[in-house]
């Protein structure tokens, strides 16, 4: 598999979830068709902007916890999305300057801006591979070929706001098991996942928007999200709504509701 396909054309004929997400975060790396689809999703659920921000905040908190409390020094971040600072390696290297990170995504627009993902400290390393999580064998081969991660040492697998885009025909649970299998004991899974549990009517509407725009989704219940962590030791506070996982103090003293966020998050350690 070619890990860097610089010449591949961008498909601007339909919206892409990564570029819609960029719009929700206030970025500029998206097209009009992405903005249009994002606005339709926001009409169904105005809180989706807050959901996007909380997703990024969880990534930062989980990365710091794994680095500070569990001694993790390596990350594999799949479904990276368009770079938005601070990127995962910046968070990890703020704790441990020698942290190593491999990013993986299958959107050529992410590849276009991948140099932002490779501005590492001199002590650490970063790399980007273009790969699709729906082909985990090829993805892991590309990661190993990058020679950035040491598979004899713990690695944190970061899957944020990704697996709800993997529907049942692709067997999402088997994909996560395949990604975790080669990682040694002490490795971690950090992920969050949209759920309809708190507001099923609204999130069914959001699912329809994404599916019609060409990005089928499967938002899952707490029990279904928990299955991704089978065989792992969950760290406190377990699987909870994203903003309740090791929360930072709200700057204005307020916090969003579970229904507004509707994003379940957890971190598990491999035995």
Protein backbone atom coordinates (compact mmCIF):
# COMPACT_ATOMS: atom_id res chain seq x y z
CA UNK A 1 0.00 0.00 0.00
CA UNK A 2 1.24 3.48 -0.79
CA UNK A 3 1.33 5.41 2.47
CA UNK A 4 1.53 8.89 0.92
CA UNK A 5 -0.51 9.53 -2.20
CA UNK A 6 0.23 13.19 -2.73
CA UNK A 7 -1.24 13.30 -6.19
CA UNK A 8 -4.64 11.87 -5.35
CA UNK A 9 -7.38 14.35 -6.20
CA UNK A 10 -9.72 15.74 -3.60
CA UNK A 11 -13.32 14.63 -4.04
CA UNK A 12 -15.35 17.81 -3.72
CA UNK A 13 -18.53 16.30 -5.14
CA UNK A 14 -19.78 15.27 -1.70
CA UNK A 15 -19.29 16.36 1.87
CA UNK A 16 -16.63 14.69 3.98
CA UNK A 17 -16.98 14.14 7.73
CA UNK A 18 -13.46 15.42 8.51
CA UNK A 19 -14.10 18.65 6.64
CA UNK A 20 -17.52 19.06 8.26
CA UNK A 21 -15.79 18.64 11.60
CA UNK A 22 -13.31 21.34 10.62
CA UNK A 23 -16.26 23.66 9.99
CA UNK A 24 -17.77 22.87 13.41
CA UNK A 25 -14.44 23.80 15.04
CA UNK A 26 -14.33 27.12 13.19
CA UNK A 27 -11.59 26.04 10.79
CA UNK A 28 -11.07 27.10 7.19
CA UNK A 29 -10.03 23.82 5.58
CA UNK A 30 -13.33 22.75 4.08
CA UNK A 31 -15.42 23.33 0.97
CA UNK A 32 -18.83 24.84 0.42
CA UNK A 33 -20.44 21.41 0.15
CA UNK A 34 -19.00 20.49 3.56
CA UNK A 35 -20.31 23.71 5.08
CA UNK A 36 -23.77 23.11 3.60
CA UNK A 37 -23.95 19.59 5.07
CA UNK A 38 -22.60 20.85 8.40
CA UNK A 39 -25.28 23.54 8.58
CA UNK A 40 -27.98 20.94 7.96
CA UNK A 41 -26.55 18.82 10.80
CA UNK A 42 -26.39 21.89 13.04
CA UNK A 43 -30.03 22.67 12.24
CA UNK A 44 -30.91 19.20 13.53
CA UNK A 45 -28.69 19.62 16.58
CA UNK A 46 -27.38 23.15 17.32
CA UNK A 47 -25.18 21.76 20.10
CA UNK A 48 -23.02 19.89 17.61
CA UNK A 49 -20.46 22.71 17.74
CA UNK A 50 -20.02 22.07 21.46
CA UNK A 51 -19.81 18.33 20.80
CA UNK A 52 -16.89 18.93 18.41
CA UNK A 53 -15.06 21.10 20.94
CA UNK A 54 -15.58 18.57 23.74
CA UNK A 55 -14.20 15.84 21.50
CA UNK A 56 -10.94 17.79 21.15
CA UNK A 57 -10.87 18.57 24.87
CA UNK A 58 -11.23 14.88 25.74
CA UNK A 59 -8.33 13.98 23.43
CA UNK A 60 -6.13 16.48 25.22
CA UNK A 61 -7.12 15.32 28.72
CA UNK A 62 -6.80 11.61 27.88
CA UNK A 63 -3.39 12.16 26.31
CA UNK A 64 -2.12 14.00 29.37
CA UNK A 65 -3.49 11.36 31.76
CA UNK A 66 -1.86 8.52 29.81
CA UNK A 67 1.46 10.35 29.67
CA UNK A 68 1.49 11.60 33.26
CA UNK A 69 -0.17 8.74 35.15
CA UNK A 70 0.56 5.69 32.98
CA UNK A 71 3.94 6.51 31.48
CA UNK A 72 2.78 6.15 27.87
CA UNK A 73 5.25 7.61 25.39
CA UNK A 74 3.78 6.40 22.07
CA UNK A 75 0.47 7.05 20.31
CA UNK A 76 -1.28 5.78 17.20
CA UNK A 77 -3.97 8.31 16.33
CA UNK A 78 -6.39 7.05 13.67
CA UNK A 79 -8.97 9.31 12.07
CA UNK A 80 -6.72 12.26 12.77
CA UNK A 81 -8.74 14.80 10.83
CA UNK A 82 -7.55 18.16 9.60
CA UNK A 83 -4.83 19.46 11.96
CA UNK A 84 -6.16 21.67 14.74
CA UNK A 85 -3.76 22.94 17.38
CA UNK A 86 -2.90 21.69 19.82
CA UNK A 87 -2.47 18.43 17.94
CA UNK A 88 -2.04 15.21 19.89
CA UNK A 89 1.76 15.17 19.63
CA UNK A 90 1.95 18.71 20.97
CA UNK A 91 -0.06 17.66 24.03
CA UNK A 92 1.97 14.48 24.55
CA UNK A 93 5.32 16.21 24.05
CA UNK A 94 4.34 18.98 26.49
CA UNK A 95 4.41 16.20 29.12
CA UNK A 96 7.18 14.02 27.65
CA UNK A 97 9.43 15.64 25.05
CA UNK A 98 10.44 12.23 23.70
CA UNK A 99 6.86 11.15 22.87
CA UNK A 100 6.31 9.49 19.49
CA UNK A 101 3.08 9.76 17.48
CA UNK A 102 1.89 8.22 14.23
CA UNK A 103 -1.19 9.79 12.68
CA UNK A 104 -3.38 7.94 10.16
CA UNK A 105 -6.26 9.17 8.01
CA UNK A 106 -7.69 8.54 4.55
CA UNK A 107 -8.72 12.07 3.54
CA UNK A 108 -6.31 13.61 1.00
CA UNK A 109 -7.03 17.06 2.47
CA UNK A 110 -5.54 15.84 5.77
CA UNK A 111 -2.47 14.71 3.81
CA UNK A 112 -2.21 18.17 2.28
CA UNK A 113 -1.75 19.70 5.72
CA UNK A 114 0.17 16.79 7.24
CA UNK A 115 3.33 18.84 7.69
CA UNK A 116 1.56 20.45 10.65
CA UNK A 117 1.41 16.99 12.21
CA UNK A 118 5.13 16.40 11.87
CA UNK A 119 6.57 19.40 13.71
CA UNK A 120 7.99 17.28 16.49
CA UNK A 121 10.41 18.05 19.27
CA UNK A 122 13.95 16.99 18.43
CA UNK A 123 13.73 14.31 21.13
CA UNK A 124 10.45 12.84 19.86
CA UNK A 125 9.14 11.73 16.48
CA UNK A 126 5.94 12.04 14.48
CA UNK A 127 4.78 10.59 11.17
CA UNK A 128 1.67 10.54 9.02
CA UNK A 129 0.39 7.59 7.00
CA UNK A 130 -2.52 7.66 4.59
CA UNK A 131 -4.59 4.59 5.38
CA UNK A 132 -8.19 3.52 5.93
CA UNK A 133 -9.24 2.03 9.28
CA UNK A 134 -11.64 -0.24 7.38
CA UNK A 135 -8.53 -2.09 6.19
CA UNK A 136 -6.73 -2.52 9.52
CA UNK A 137 -4.17 -4.99 8.17
CA UNK A 138 -2.92 -2.50 5.59
CA UNK A 139 -3.08 0.32 8.11
CA UNK A 140 -0.96 -1.53 10.67
CA UNK A 141 1.52 -2.55 7.96
CA UNK A 142 1.94 1.12 7.05
CA UNK A 143 2.38 2.09 10.68
CA UNK A 144 5.04 -0.59 11.20
CA UNK A 145 6.79 0.48 7.98
CA UNK A 146 7.08 4.04 9.31
CA UNK A 147 9.43 2.67 12.01
CA UNK A 148 8.33 5.38 14.46
CA UNK A 149 6.63 3.20 17.08
CA UNK A 150 8.34 0.49 19.13
CA UNK A 151 5.84 -2.38 19.38
CA UNK A 152 7.74 -3.80 22.36
CA UNK A 153 6.70 -0.77 24.43
CA UNK A 154 3.18 0.43 25.36
CA UNK A 155 1.27 2.34 22.69
CA UNK A 156 -1.92 4.34 23.14
CA UNK A 157 -4.48 3.76 20.39
CA UNK A 158 -6.50 6.95 19.92
CA UNK A 159 -9.86 6.58 18.15
CA UNK A 160 -11.73 9.81 18.70
CA UNK A 161 -15.03 10.49 16.92
CA UNK A 162 -14.15 7.76 14.42
CA UNK A 163 -15.87 4.45 15.09
CA UNK A 164 -19.40 5.78 14.67
CA UNK A 165 -18.46 6.16 10.99
CA UNK A 166 -17.76 2.41 10.82
CA UNK A 167 -21.05 0.63 10.26
CA UNK A 168 -21.84 -3.03 10.89
CA UNK A 169 -20.89 -4.42 7.44
CA UNK A 170 -17.27 -3.51 8.30
CA UNK A 171 -17.40 -5.21 11.76
CA UNK A 172 -16.17 -2.31 13.91
CA UNK A 173 -15.44 -4.51 16.92
CA UNK A 174 -13.19 -6.80 14.89
CA UNK A 175 -11.35 -3.72 13.57
CA UNK A 176 -10.59 -2.46 17.08
CA UNK A 177 -9.47 -5.93 18.19
CA UNK A 178 -7.14 -6.13 15.17
CA UNK A 179 -5.65 -2.74 16.03
CA UNK A 180 -5.13 -3.68 19.68
CA UNK A 181 -3.80 -7.22 19.13
CA UNK A 182 -0.18 -6.30 18.25
CA UNK A 183 0.09 -3.76 21.08
CA UNK A 184 1.87 -5.00 24.23
CA UNK A 185 0.53 -5.12 27.78
CA UNK A 186 0.30 -1.64 29.28
CA UNK A 187 -0.97 -0.18 26.02
CA UNK A 188 -4.21 1.79 26.01
CA UNK A 189 -7.37 2.48 24.05
CA UNK A 190 -8.67 6.05 24.28
CA UNK A 191 -11.85 6.68 22.34
CA UNK A 192 -15.09 8.57 22.22
CA UNK A 193 -18.21 7.78 20.24
CA UNK A 194 -21.50 9.54 19.52
CA UNK A 195 -24.55 8.05 21.24
CA UNK A 196 -28.32 8.46 20.88
CA UNK A 197 -28.83 7.54 24.55
CA UNK A 198 -29.55 11.04 25.85
CA UNK A 199 -31.58 12.43 22.92
CA UNK A 200 -32.52 9.72 20.40
CA UNK A 201 -34.83 11.87 18.28
CA UNK A 202 -32.21 14.55 17.65
CA UNK A 203 -29.35 12.12 17.02
CA UNK A 204 -31.43 10.05 14.62
CA UNK A 205 -31.88 13.26 12.63
CA UNK A 206 -28.13 13.91 12.72
CA UNK A 207 -27.50 10.35 11.53
CA UNK A 208 -29.83 10.92 8.57
CA UNK A 209 -27.92 14.09 7.62
CA UNK A 210 -24.56 12.32 7.61
CA UNK A 211 -25.87 9.29 5.75
CA UNK A 212 -27.51 11.44 3.06
CA UNK A 213 -24.30 13.45 2.66
CA UNK A 214 -22.38 10.24 1.87
CA UNK A 215 -20.94 9.42 5.31
CA UNK A 216 -23.04 6.64 6.85
CA UNK A 217 -22.96 6.56 10.65
CA UNK A 218 -24.01 4.24 13.45
CA UNK A 219 -24.41 6.04 16.75
CA UNK A 220 -24.24 3.45 19.55
CA UNK A 221 -25.58 2.99 23.07
CA UNK A 222 -23.48 2.89 26.23
CA UNK A 223 -23.58 -0.91 26.21
CA UNK A 224 -22.48 -1.06 22.58
CA UNK A 225 -19.65 1.43 23.12
CA UNK A 226 -18.54 -0.57 26.17
CA UNK A 227 -17.96 -3.61 23.92
CA UNK A 228 -15.00 -1.84 22.32
CA UNK A 229 -13.27 -2.03 25.71
CA UNK A 230 -13.84 -5.75 26.31
CA UNK A 231 -10.76 -7.28 27.93
CA UNK A 232 -9.31 -3.89 28.95
CA UNK A 233 -9.15 -2.37 32.42
CA UNK A 234 -11.12 0.87 32.35
CA UNK A 235 -9.57 3.72 34.28
CA UNK A 236 -11.74 6.02 36.37
CA UNK A 237 -14.36 7.28 35.74
CA UNK A 238 -15.12 4.51 33.20
CA UNK A 239 -17.26 5.22 30.14
CA UNK A 240 -19.11 8.47 30.65
CA UNK A 241 -20.33 11.43 28.66
CA UNK A 242 -17.27 13.09 27.18
CA UNK A 243 -17.20 16.26 29.28
CA UNK A 244 -17.45 14.20 32.50
CA UNK A 245 -14.23 12.26 31.83
CA UNK A 246 -11.62 13.88 34.12
CA UNK A 247 -13.27 17.27 33.53
CA UNK A 248 -11.48 20.57 33.58
CA UNK A 249 -13.13 23.36 35.52
CA UNK A 250 -15.49 25.27 33.17
CA UNK A 251 -14.12 28.76 32.58
CA UNK A 252 -17.53 30.35 33.16
CA UNK A 253 -18.69 27.98 35.89
CA UNK A 254 -21.22 26.25 33.63
CA UNK A 255 -21.12 22.96 31.76
CA UNK A 256 -23.09 21.49 28.86
CA UNK A 257 -25.70 18.79 29.37
CA UNK A 258 -25.20 15.13 28.48
CA UNK A 259 -27.86 15.47 25.77
CA UNK A 260 -26.03 18.41 24.23
CA UNK A 261 -22.73 16.52 24.02
CA UNK A 262 -24.02 12.95 23.41
CA UNK A 263 -20.47 11.69 23.12
CA UNK A 264 -19.38 8.73 25.27
CA UNK A 265 -15.71 8.53 26.21
CA UNK A 266 -13.42 6.11 27.97
CA UNK A 267 -9.83 4.93 28.36
CA UNK A 268 -8.85 1.30 28.94
CA UNK A 269 -5.49 -0.30 29.66
CA UNK A 270 -4.46 -3.60 28.05
CA UNK A 271 -3.51 -6.35 30.49
